């Protein structure tokens, strides 16, 4: 018997019913005409093409630019889930800034051998001119795109941190604005 890869269904619980954070959305979605949803999805794709809302896929010659992903089914988080994620993400961003502070000052992590010195020295993003420079508040990166994947009811993993060019922030804002234009009733009916 082959093992089937498992994934977490964010919308539907084990009982086949919408998970609590999706209750209101699922009620709205189930009353929607599927053809209207398809039309709106195509409108969003057309809008992204016209507004040049694309991103580069580095290392893939055949698909250099792709449209930002858009789905009429948004990620819905409860206040409890968002609160927990917020604490973890804020802690992670503080850790990234502490790491950068160390790299540009005492370099204890390199001296301890936890990271090979050449990995930093040969990295184009490392700026030797910054050694000894302390930015206000020790904040080297103000916006960090933390890419998350959900693997369980209360389990999230970080795929990567985008601290140099956190373009995903703009994708999220574009998606939110597009969703507002395509489905204003959602924003009127539910606390977004």
N, C-alpha and C. Protein backbone atom coordinates (compact mmCIF):
# COMPACT_ATOMS: atom_id res chain seq x y z
N UNK A 1 0.84 -1.18 0.00
CA UNK A 1 0.00 0.00 0.00
C UNK A 1 0.88 1.24 0.00
N UNK A 2 0.60 2.15 -0.91
CA UNK A 2 1.37 3.39 -1.03
C UNK A 2 0.95 4.38 0.03
N UNK A 3 1.96 5.09 0.59
CA UNK A 3 1.64 6.16 1.54
C UNK A 3 1.16 7.38 0.77
N UNK A 4 0.02 7.88 1.16
CA UNK A 4 -0.51 9.10 0.56
C UNK A 4 -0.02 10.28 1.39
N UNK A 5 0.63 11.27 0.73
CA UNK A 5 1.08 12.43 1.50
C UNK A 5 -0.11 13.12 2.15
N UNK A 6 0.05 13.46 3.41
CA UNK A 6 -1.00 14.13 4.15
C UNK A 6 -0.81 15.64 4.08
N UNK A 7 -1.88 16.36 4.08
CA UNK A 7 -1.83 17.81 4.13
C UNK A 7 -2.93 18.27 5.06
N UNK A 8 -2.80 19.47 5.54
CA UNK A 8 -3.81 20.01 6.44
C UNK A 8 -4.81 20.80 5.63
N UNK A 9 -6.08 20.45 5.74
CA UNK A 9 -7.16 21.16 5.07
C UNK A 9 -7.56 22.32 5.96
N UNK A 10 -7.19 23.52 5.55
CA UNK A 10 -7.46 24.70 6.38
C UNK A 10 -8.94 25.03 6.45
N UNK A 11 -9.69 24.70 5.43
CA UNK A 11 -11.11 25.05 5.38
C UNK A 11 -11.98 24.06 6.13
N UNK A 12 -11.70 22.78 5.96
CA UNK A 12 -12.59 21.74 6.45
C UNK A 12 -11.94 20.94 7.56
N UNK A 13 -12.69 20.72 8.64
CA UNK A 13 -12.20 19.91 9.75
C UNK A 13 -12.34 18.43 9.46
N UNK A 14 -11.87 17.60 10.39
CA UNK A 14 -11.92 16.15 10.23
C UNK A 14 -13.36 15.65 10.08
N UNK A 15 -14.31 16.39 10.63
CA UNK A 15 -15.71 16.00 10.56
C UNK A 15 -16.38 16.39 9.24
N UNK A 16 -15.61 17.00 8.33
CA UNK A 16 -16.16 17.42 7.04
C UNK A 16 -16.85 18.77 7.07
N UNK A 17 -16.92 19.38 8.22
CA UNK A 17 -17.54 20.70 8.37
C UNK A 17 -16.47 21.77 8.32
N UNK A 18 -16.86 23.00 7.99
CA UNK A 18 -15.86 24.09 7.99
C UNK A 18 -15.26 24.27 9.38
N UNK A 19 -13.97 24.52 9.42
CA UNK A 19 -13.32 24.84 10.70
C UNK A 19 -13.89 26.17 11.18
N UNK A 20 -13.92 26.37 12.49
CA UNK A 20 -14.57 27.54 13.08
C UNK A 20 -14.15 28.87 12.44
N UNK A 21 -12.85 29.12 12.19
CA UNK A 21 -12.51 30.41 11.56
C UNK A 21 -13.13 30.61 10.18
N UNK A 22 -13.52 29.51 9.52
CA UNK A 22 -14.08 29.59 8.18
C UNK A 22 -15.61 29.54 8.14
N UNK A 23 -16.26 29.46 9.29
CA UNK A 23 -17.72 29.33 9.31
C UNK A 23 -18.42 30.36 8.44
N UNK A 24 -18.19 31.63 8.71
CA UNK A 24 -18.88 32.70 7.97
C UNK A 24 -18.50 32.69 6.50
N UNK A 25 -17.21 32.50 6.22
CA UNK A 25 -16.77 32.48 4.82
C UNK A 25 -17.42 31.30 4.08
N UNK A 26 -17.44 30.14 4.70
CA UNK A 26 -18.01 28.95 4.05
C UNK A 26 -19.49 29.16 3.75
N UNK A 27 -20.21 29.80 4.66
CA UNK A 27 -21.63 30.09 4.39
C UNK A 27 -21.77 30.99 3.17
N UNK A 28 -20.93 32.03 3.09
CA UNK A 28 -20.96 32.93 1.93
C UNK A 28 -20.60 32.17 0.66
N UNK A 29 -19.51 31.42 0.71
CA UNK A 29 -18.99 30.69 -0.46
C UNK A 29 -20.03 29.70 -0.98
N UNK A 30 -20.67 28.96 -0.09
CA UNK A 30 -21.65 27.94 -0.51
C UNK A 30 -22.89 28.55 -1.15
N UNK A 31 -23.15 29.82 -0.90
CA UNK A 31 -24.30 30.49 -1.51
C UNK A 31 -23.94 31.19 -2.83
N UNK A 32 -22.65 31.22 -3.14
CA UNK A 32 -22.19 31.91 -4.35
C UNK A 32 -22.39 31.03 -5.59
N UNK A 33 -22.63 31.69 -6.70
CA UNK A 33 -22.72 31.02 -8.00
C UNK A 33 -21.29 30.71 -8.46
N UNK A 34 -21.01 29.46 -8.76
CA UNK A 34 -19.67 29.04 -9.15
C UNK A 34 -19.19 29.77 -10.40
N UNK A 35 -20.10 30.08 -11.31
CA UNK A 35 -19.72 30.81 -12.52
C UNK A 35 -19.29 32.23 -12.20
N UNK A 36 -19.95 32.86 -11.24
CA UNK A 36 -19.54 34.21 -10.82
C UNK A 36 -18.15 34.16 -10.20
N UNK A 37 -17.89 33.15 -9.38
CA UNK A 37 -16.57 33.02 -8.77
C UNK A 37 -15.48 32.82 -9.83
N UNK A 38 -15.78 32.01 -10.83
CA UNK A 38 -14.81 31.79 -11.91
C UNK A 38 -14.55 33.09 -12.69
N UNK A 39 -15.64 33.83 -12.99
CA UNK A 39 -15.49 35.11 -13.70
C UNK A 39 -14.63 36.08 -12.90
N UNK A 40 -14.91 36.17 -11.61
CA UNK A 40 -14.17 37.08 -10.75
C UNK A 40 -12.70 36.68 -10.67
N UNK A 41 -12.44 35.39 -10.64
CA UNK A 41 -11.06 34.91 -10.60
C UNK A 41 -10.33 35.29 -11.89
N UNK A 42 -11.01 35.15 -13.03
CA UNK A 42 -10.42 35.56 -14.31
C UNK A 42 -10.22 37.06 -14.37
N UNK A 43 -11.15 37.82 -13.82
CA UNK A 43 -10.99 39.28 -13.76
C UNK A 43 -9.75 39.65 -12.94
N UNK A 44 -9.56 38.96 -11.85
CA UNK A 44 -8.39 39.22 -11.01
C UNK A 44 -7.11 38.91 -11.78
N UNK A 45 -7.10 37.79 -12.50
CA UNK A 45 -5.92 37.43 -13.29
C UNK A 45 -5.64 38.48 -14.36
N UNK A 46 -6.69 38.94 -15.03
CA UNK A 46 -6.53 39.99 -16.04
C UNK A 46 -5.98 41.26 -15.41
N UNK A 47 -6.52 41.63 -14.25
CA UNK A 47 -6.03 42.81 -13.54
C UNK A 47 -4.54 42.68 -13.22
N UNK A 48 -4.12 41.52 -12.72
CA UNK A 48 -2.71 41.32 -12.37
C UNK A 48 -1.82 41.38 -13.61
N UNK A 49 -2.32 40.86 -14.73
CA UNK A 49 -1.53 40.93 -15.97
C UNK A 49 -1.36 42.37 -16.44
N UNK A 50 -2.44 43.14 -16.38
CA UNK A 50 -2.42 44.55 -16.82
C UNK A 50 -1.57 45.40 -15.87
N UNK A 51 -1.66 45.13 -14.58
CA UNK A 51 -0.93 45.94 -13.61
C UNK A 51 0.50 45.42 -13.39
N UNK A 52 0.89 44.40 -14.13
CA UNK A 52 2.23 43.81 -14.06
C UNK A 52 2.54 43.35 -12.63
N UNK A 53 1.57 42.66 -12.03
CA UNK A 53 1.77 42.10 -10.70
C UNK A 53 2.35 40.69 -10.86
N UNK A 54 3.66 40.67 -11.13
CA UNK A 54 4.35 39.40 -11.34
C UNK A 54 5.53 39.29 -10.41
N UNK A 55 6.11 38.10 -10.36
CA UNK A 55 7.33 37.90 -9.59
C UNK A 55 8.26 37.00 -10.38
N UNK A 56 9.54 37.12 -10.10
CA UNK A 56 10.54 36.31 -10.80
C UNK A 56 10.73 35.00 -10.07
N UNK A 57 10.94 33.96 -10.85
CA UNK A 57 11.28 32.65 -10.30
C UNK A 57 12.74 32.43 -10.67
N UNK A 58 13.61 32.64 -9.72
CA UNK A 58 15.04 32.53 -10.00
C UNK A 58 15.44 31.08 -10.21
N UNK A 59 16.26 30.87 -11.23
CA UNK A 59 16.73 29.52 -11.54
C UNK A 59 15.80 28.74 -12.45
N UNK A 60 14.72 29.34 -12.90
CA UNK A 60 13.79 28.69 -13.80
C UNK A 60 13.71 29.49 -15.09
N UNK A 61 14.44 29.07 -16.11
CA UNK A 61 14.47 29.79 -17.37
C UNK A 61 13.12 29.79 -18.07
N UNK A 62 12.39 28.64 -18.00
CA UNK A 62 11.16 28.51 -18.77
C UNK A 62 10.02 29.36 -18.21
N UNK A 63 10.08 29.75 -16.97
CA UNK A 63 9.00 30.55 -16.37
C UNK A 63 9.60 31.66 -15.53
N UNK A 64 10.23 32.61 -16.23
CA UNK A 64 10.94 33.67 -15.52
C UNK A 64 10.00 34.53 -14.68
N UNK A 65 8.84 34.91 -15.25
CA UNK A 65 7.89 35.74 -14.52
C UNK A 65 6.56 35.01 -14.39
N UNK A 66 6.00 35.09 -13.21
CA UNK A 66 4.69 34.48 -12.96
C UNK A 66 3.78 35.51 -12.31
N UNK A 67 2.48 35.32 -12.52
CA UNK A 67 1.52 36.18 -11.85
C UNK A 67 1.52 35.87 -10.36
N UNK A 68 1.25 36.89 -9.55
CA UNK A 68 1.14 36.62 -8.13
C UNK A 68 -0.06 35.70 -7.92
N UNK A 69 0.05 34.79 -6.98
CA UNK A 69 -1.06 33.86 -6.77
C UNK A 69 -2.28 34.57 -6.18
N UNK A 70 -3.44 34.23 -6.69
CA UNK A 70 -4.69 34.78 -6.18
C UNK A 70 -5.70 33.64 -6.08
N UNK A 71 -6.39 33.58 -4.98
CA UNK A 71 -7.38 32.54 -4.77
C UNK A 71 -8.60 33.18 -4.13
N UNK A 72 -9.80 32.82 -4.59
CA UNK A 72 -11.01 33.37 -3.99
C UNK A 72 -11.26 32.79 -2.61
N UNK A 73 -10.50 31.76 -2.24
CA UNK A 73 -10.58 31.22 -0.89
C UNK A 73 -9.38 31.76 -0.12
N UNK A 74 -9.62 32.75 0.74
CA UNK A 74 -8.50 33.35 1.48
C UNK A 74 -8.07 32.47 2.65
N UNK A 75 -6.93 32.76 3.20
CA UNK A 75 -6.49 32.13 4.44
C UNK A 75 -7.22 32.86 5.56
N UNK A 76 -7.91 32.13 6.39
CA UNK A 76 -8.64 32.74 7.50
C UNK A 76 -8.04 32.23 8.80
N UNK A 77 -7.66 33.16 9.65
CA UNK A 77 -7.09 32.82 10.94
C UNK A 77 -7.97 33.37 12.05
N UNK A 78 -8.10 32.61 13.11
CA UNK A 78 -8.82 33.10 14.27
C UNK A 78 -7.93 34.10 15.01
N UNK A 79 -8.51 34.88 15.90
CA UNK A 79 -7.73 35.83 16.69
C UNK A 79 -6.68 35.09 17.52
N UNK A 80 -7.03 33.91 18.04
CA UNK A 80 -6.07 33.11 18.82
C UNK A 80 -4.89 32.67 17.95
N UNK A 81 -5.19 32.18 16.74
CA UNK A 81 -4.13 31.74 15.84
C UNK A 81 -3.23 32.91 15.47
N UNK A 82 -3.85 34.05 15.12
CA UNK A 82 -3.07 35.22 14.72
C UNK A 82 -2.21 35.71 15.87
N UNK A 83 -2.75 35.71 17.08
CA UNK A 83 -1.98 36.14 18.25
C UNK A 83 -0.75 35.28 18.47
N UNK A 84 -0.92 33.98 18.33
CA UNK A 84 0.21 33.05 18.50
C UNK A 84 1.26 33.26 17.40
N UNK A 85 0.78 33.38 16.16
CA UNK A 85 1.70 33.61 15.04
C UNK A 85 2.45 34.93 15.20
N UNK A 86 1.73 35.96 15.62
CA UNK A 86 2.35 37.28 15.79
C UNK A 86 3.52 37.21 16.75
N UNK A 87 3.31 36.55 17.89
CA UNK A 87 4.39 36.43 18.88
C UNK A 87 5.60 35.72 18.28
N UNK A 88 5.35 34.63 17.57
CA UNK A 88 6.45 33.87 16.98
C UNK A 88 7.18 34.64 15.89
N UNK A 89 6.42 35.33 15.05
CA UNK A 89 7.03 36.10 13.96
C UNK A 89 7.84 37.27 14.52
N UNK A 90 7.29 37.96 15.51
CA UNK A 90 8.03 39.07 16.12
C UNK A 90 9.32 38.57 16.76
N UNK A 91 9.26 37.44 17.43
CA UNK A 91 10.46 36.85 18.03
C UNK A 91 11.48 36.50 16.94
N UNK A 92 10.99 35.96 15.84
CA UNK A 92 11.88 35.58 14.74
C UNK A 92 12.57 36.80 14.13
N UNK A 93 11.83 37.89 13.93
CA UNK A 93 12.41 39.10 13.36
C UNK A 93 13.44 39.70 14.33
N UNK A 94 13.15 39.67 15.64
CA UNK A 94 14.16 40.13 16.62
C UNK A 94 15.42 39.27 16.53
N UNK A 95 15.25 37.96 16.35
CA UNK A 95 16.40 37.06 16.25
C UNK A 95 17.21 37.35 14.98
N UNK A 96 16.54 37.62 13.87
CA UNK A 96 17.25 37.96 12.63
C UNK A 96 18.06 39.23 12.82
N UNK A 97 17.47 40.25 13.44
CA UNK A 97 18.20 41.49 13.69
C UNK A 97 19.35 41.28 14.66
N UNK A 98 19.17 40.42 15.67
CA UNK A 98 20.26 40.12 16.61
C UNK A 98 21.39 39.39 15.88
N UNK A 99 21.03 38.49 14.97
CA UNK A 99 22.03 37.77 14.17
C UNK A 99 22.83 38.76 13.32
N UNK A 100 22.13 39.68 12.66
CA UNK A 100 22.82 40.67 11.83
C UNK A 100 23.70 41.60 12.68
N UNK A 101 23.22 41.97 13.86
CA UNK A 101 24.02 42.80 14.75
C UNK A 101 25.32 42.06 15.10
N UNK A 102 25.18 40.78 15.42
CA UNK A 102 26.38 39.99 15.76
C UNK A 102 27.33 39.91 14.57
N UNK A 103 26.81 39.69 13.37
CA UNK A 103 27.68 39.59 12.18
C UNK A 103 28.46 40.87 11.94
N UNK A 104 27.85 42.01 12.23
CA UNK A 104 28.51 43.29 11.97
C UNK A 104 29.23 43.85 13.19
N UNK A 105 29.29 43.06 14.27
CA UNK A 105 30.01 43.50 15.45
C UNK A 105 30.96 42.40 15.94
N UNK A 106 30.62 41.69 16.97
CA UNK A 106 31.55 40.74 17.59
C UNK A 106 31.75 39.45 16.80
N UNK A 107 30.83 39.09 15.96
CA UNK A 107 30.89 37.87 15.14
C UNK A 107 31.08 36.61 15.98
N UNK A 108 30.40 36.58 17.11
CA UNK A 108 30.51 35.43 18.00
C UNK A 108 30.03 34.15 17.35
N UNK A 109 29.00 34.22 16.52
CA UNK A 109 28.48 33.02 15.87
C UNK A 109 29.52 32.42 14.92
N UNK A 110 30.33 33.29 14.29
CA UNK A 110 31.39 32.79 13.41
C UNK A 110 32.55 32.22 14.22
N UNK A 111 32.93 32.91 15.28
CA UNK A 111 34.03 32.43 16.13
C UNK A 111 33.69 31.11 16.79
N UNK A 112 32.40 30.90 17.09
CA UNK A 112 31.98 29.64 17.71
C UNK A 112 31.89 28.51 16.68
N UNK A 113 32.04 28.85 15.39
CA UNK A 113 31.99 27.83 14.35
C UNK A 113 30.59 27.34 14.03
N UNK A 114 29.57 28.06 14.47
CA UNK A 114 28.19 27.65 14.20
C UNK A 114 27.83 27.86 12.73
N UNK A 115 28.47 28.85 12.12
CA UNK A 115 28.28 29.13 10.69
C UNK A 115 29.67 29.29 10.09
N UNK A 116 29.96 28.62 8.97
CA UNK A 116 31.28 28.79 8.35
C UNK A 116 31.51 30.25 7.93
N UNK A 117 32.65 30.77 8.29
CA UNK A 117 33.00 32.16 8.00
C UNK A 117 32.86 32.49 6.51
N UNK A 118 33.27 31.55 5.63
CA UNK A 118 33.22 31.81 4.19
C UNK A 118 31.78 31.93 3.68
N UNK A 119 30.84 31.30 4.37
CA UNK A 119 29.44 31.41 3.98
C UNK A 119 28.98 32.86 4.08
N UNK A 120 29.47 33.58 5.05
CA UNK A 120 29.13 34.99 5.23
C UNK A 120 30.03 35.86 4.34
N UNK A 121 31.32 35.62 4.40
CA UNK A 121 32.27 36.47 3.68
C UNK A 121 32.04 36.45 2.17
N UNK A 122 31.59 35.33 1.62
CA UNK A 122 31.38 35.21 0.18
C UNK A 122 29.94 35.53 -0.24
N UNK A 123 29.12 35.93 0.71
CA UNK A 123 27.73 36.24 0.41
C UNK A 123 27.64 37.68 -0.08
N UNK A 124 27.02 37.89 -1.26
CA UNK A 124 26.90 39.23 -1.84
C UNK A 124 26.13 40.19 -0.94
N UNK A 125 25.25 39.66 -0.10
CA UNK A 125 24.45 40.53 0.76
C UNK A 125 25.24 41.03 1.97
N UNK A 126 26.34 40.39 2.30
CA UNK A 126 27.16 40.83 3.43
C UNK A 126 27.99 42.03 3.00
N UNK A 127 27.87 43.11 3.74
CA UNK A 127 28.58 44.35 3.41
C UNK A 127 29.65 44.63 4.47
N UNK A 128 30.92 44.35 4.16
CA UNK A 128 31.99 44.61 5.14
C UNK A 128 32.01 46.06 5.61
N UNK A 129 31.53 46.97 4.75
CA UNK A 129 31.49 48.39 5.14
C UNK A 129 30.56 48.64 6.33
N UNK A 130 29.70 47.69 6.60
CA UNK A 130 28.75 47.84 7.71
C UNK A 130 29.32 47.36 9.05
N UNK A 131 30.49 46.75 9.02
CA UNK A 131 31.08 46.27 10.27
C UNK A 131 31.28 47.46 11.21
N UNK A 132 30.73 47.30 12.40
CA UNK A 132 30.81 48.35 13.41
C UNK A 132 29.69 49.37 13.36
N UNK A 133 28.86 49.31 12.33
CA UNK A 133 27.75 50.26 12.20
C UNK A 133 26.54 49.71 12.97
N UNK A 134 25.96 50.57 13.78
CA UNK A 134 24.76 50.20 14.54
C UNK A 134 23.61 51.10 14.08
N UNK A 135 22.65 50.52 13.37
CA UNK A 135 21.50 51.33 12.94
C UNK A 135 20.60 51.65 14.15
N UNK A 136 19.77 52.67 14.02
CA UNK A 136 18.87 53.02 15.13
C UNK A 136 18.05 51.81 15.59
N UNK A 137 18.05 51.61 16.89
CA UNK A 137 17.29 50.51 17.47
C UNK A 137 17.84 49.13 17.15
N UNK A 138 19.05 49.06 16.61
CA UNK A 138 19.65 47.78 16.17
C UNK A 138 18.78 47.06 15.14
N UNK A 139 18.03 47.82 14.35
CA UNK A 139 17.14 47.22 13.35
C UNK A 139 17.82 47.31 11.99
N UNK A 140 18.23 46.16 11.52
CA UNK A 140 18.87 46.07 10.21
C UNK A 140 17.84 45.81 9.12
N UNK A 141 16.81 45.09 9.45
CA UNK A 141 15.77 44.79 8.47
C UNK A 141 14.43 45.16 9.08
N UNK A 142 13.76 46.11 8.43
CA UNK A 142 12.50 46.64 8.97
C UNK A 142 11.30 45.82 8.56
N UNK A 143 11.35 45.24 7.39
CA UNK A 143 10.24 44.43 6.89
C UNK A 143 10.79 43.06 6.53
N UNK A 144 10.22 42.04 7.10
CA UNK A 144 10.64 40.67 6.82
C UNK A 144 9.43 39.89 6.34
N UNK A 145 9.58 39.23 5.22
CA UNK A 145 8.52 38.36 4.72
C UNK A 145 8.78 36.96 5.23
N UNK A 146 7.98 36.52 6.18
CA UNK A 146 8.12 35.18 6.75
C UNK A 146 7.12 34.28 6.03
N UNK A 147 7.64 33.37 5.20
CA UNK A 147 6.77 32.46 4.45
C UNK A 147 6.42 31.27 5.33
N UNK A 148 5.13 31.12 5.60
CA UNK A 148 4.65 30.05 6.48
C UNK A 148 3.87 29.00 5.71
N UNK A 149 3.91 27.79 6.23
CA UNK A 149 3.05 26.72 5.73
C UNK A 149 2.40 26.10 6.96
N UNK A 150 1.12 25.82 6.81
CA UNK A 150 0.38 25.21 7.92
C UNK A 150 0.35 23.71 7.70
N UNK A 151 0.72 22.96 8.74
CA UNK A 151 0.75 21.50 8.61
C UNK A 151 -0.20 20.81 9.57
N UNK A 152 -0.84 21.59 10.44
CA UNK A 152 -1.79 21.01 11.39
C UNK A 152 -2.62 22.10 12.02
N UNK A 153 -3.58 21.68 12.82
CA UNK A 153 -4.51 22.62 13.46
C UNK A 153 -3.77 23.77 14.15
N UNK A 154 -2.73 23.45 14.88
CA UNK A 154 -1.95 24.48 15.60
C UNK A 154 -0.48 24.40 15.24
N UNK A 155 -0.18 24.00 14.02
CA UNK A 155 1.22 23.79 13.65
C UNK A 155 1.54 24.52 12.35
N UNK A 156 2.53 25.40 12.44
CA UNK A 156 3.01 26.15 11.30
C UNK A 156 4.52 25.96 11.21
N UNK A 157 5.04 25.95 9.99
CA UNK A 157 6.48 25.91 9.77
C UNK A 157 6.88 27.09 8.91
N UNK A 158 8.08 27.59 9.14
CA UNK A 158 8.62 28.67 8.32
C UNK A 158 9.36 28.04 7.16
N UNK A 159 8.96 28.40 5.94
CA UNK A 159 9.66 27.92 4.75
C UNK A 159 10.93 28.73 4.52
N UNK A 160 10.80 30.05 4.67
CA UNK A 160 11.95 30.93 4.48
C UNK A 160 11.64 32.30 5.02
N UNK A 161 12.70 33.05 5.25
CA UNK A 161 12.59 34.45 5.65
C UNK A 161 13.12 35.29 4.50
N UNK A 162 12.34 36.27 4.08
CA UNK A 162 12.77 37.18 3.03
C UNK A 162 13.02 38.54 3.69
N UNK A 163 14.29 38.79 3.96
CA UNK A 163 14.64 40.03 4.66
C UNK A 163 15.24 41.06 3.71
N UNK A 164 15.80 40.62 2.61
CA UNK A 164 16.42 41.57 1.68
C UNK A 164 15.39 42.24 0.80
N UNK A 165 14.51 41.44 0.17
CA UNK A 165 13.48 41.97 -0.70
C UNK A 165 12.18 41.24 -0.35
N UNK A 166 11.49 41.69 0.70
CA UNK A 166 10.27 40.99 1.12
C UNK A 166 9.07 41.37 0.25
N UNK A 167 9.14 40.99 -1.02
CA UNK A 167 8.10 41.39 -1.98
C UNK A 167 6.75 40.76 -1.67
N UNK A 168 6.73 39.68 -0.92
CA UNK A 168 5.47 39.04 -0.58
C UNK A 168 4.52 39.97 0.15
N UNK A 169 5.07 40.97 0.84
CA UNK A 169 4.22 41.94 1.54
C UNK A 169 3.35 42.67 0.52
N UNK A 170 3.96 43.07 -0.59
CA UNK A 170 3.17 43.78 -1.61
C UNK A 170 2.17 42.84 -2.26
N UNK A 171 2.50 41.56 -2.40
CA UNK A 171 1.55 40.61 -2.97
C UNK A 171 0.33 40.48 -2.07
N UNK A 172 0.58 40.42 -0.77
CA UNK A 172 -0.53 40.32 0.18
C UNK A 172 -1.42 41.55 0.07
N UNK A 173 -0.81 42.72 -0.01
CA UNK A 173 -1.59 43.95 -0.12
C UNK A 173 -2.38 43.99 -1.44
N UNK A 174 -1.75 43.56 -2.53
CA UNK A 174 -2.44 43.49 -3.83
C UNK A 174 -3.62 42.52 -3.76
N UNK A 175 -3.40 41.36 -3.15
CA UNK A 175 -4.46 40.38 -3.01
C UNK A 175 -5.62 40.94 -2.20
N UNK A 176 -5.30 41.60 -1.10
CA UNK A 176 -6.34 42.17 -0.25
C UNK A 176 -7.15 43.22 -1.03
N UNK A 177 -6.45 44.09 -1.74
CA UNK A 177 -7.12 45.15 -2.52
C UNK A 177 -7.98 44.53 -3.63
N UNK A 178 -7.45 43.52 -4.29
CA UNK A 178 -8.19 42.85 -5.37
C UNK A 178 -9.42 42.15 -4.81
N UNK A 179 -9.25 41.47 -3.69
CA UNK A 179 -10.38 40.79 -3.05
C UNK A 179 -11.45 41.81 -2.67
N UNK A 180 -11.04 42.97 -2.20
CA UNK A 180 -11.98 44.03 -1.84
C UNK A 180 -12.75 44.51 -3.07
N UNK A 181 -12.06 44.62 -4.21
CA UNK A 181 -12.73 45.06 -5.44
C UNK A 181 -13.66 43.98 -6.00
N UNK A 182 -13.22 42.72 -5.93
CA UNK A 182 -13.99 41.62 -6.52
C UNK A 182 -15.18 41.22 -5.65
N UNK A 183 -15.00 41.25 -4.34
CA UNK A 183 -16.03 40.77 -3.42
C UNK A 183 -16.21 41.74 -2.25
N UNK A 184 -16.69 42.95 -2.52
CA UNK A 184 -16.83 43.94 -1.46
C UNK A 184 -17.77 43.48 -0.34
N UNK A 185 -18.73 42.62 -0.68
CA UNK A 185 -19.68 42.15 0.33
C UNK A 185 -18.98 41.38 1.46
N UNK A 186 -17.89 40.71 1.14
CA UNK A 186 -17.16 40.00 2.19
C UNK A 186 -16.62 40.96 3.24
N UNK A 187 -16.11 42.09 2.76
CA UNK A 187 -15.53 43.07 3.67
C UNK A 187 -16.61 43.82 4.43
N UNK A 188 -17.82 43.89 3.85
CA UNK A 188 -18.93 44.53 4.54
C UNK A 188 -19.54 43.60 5.59
N UNK A 189 -19.62 42.32 5.27
CA UNK A 189 -20.28 41.36 6.15
C UNK A 189 -19.40 40.88 7.30
N UNK A 190 -18.10 40.75 7.05
CA UNK A 190 -17.22 40.11 8.02
C UNK A 190 -16.11 41.05 8.46
N UNK A 191 -15.67 40.85 9.69
CA UNK A 191 -14.59 41.66 10.23
C UNK A 191 -13.27 41.15 9.65
N UNK A 192 -12.73 41.91 8.72
CA UNK A 192 -11.46 41.52 8.09
C UNK A 192 -10.35 42.32 8.72
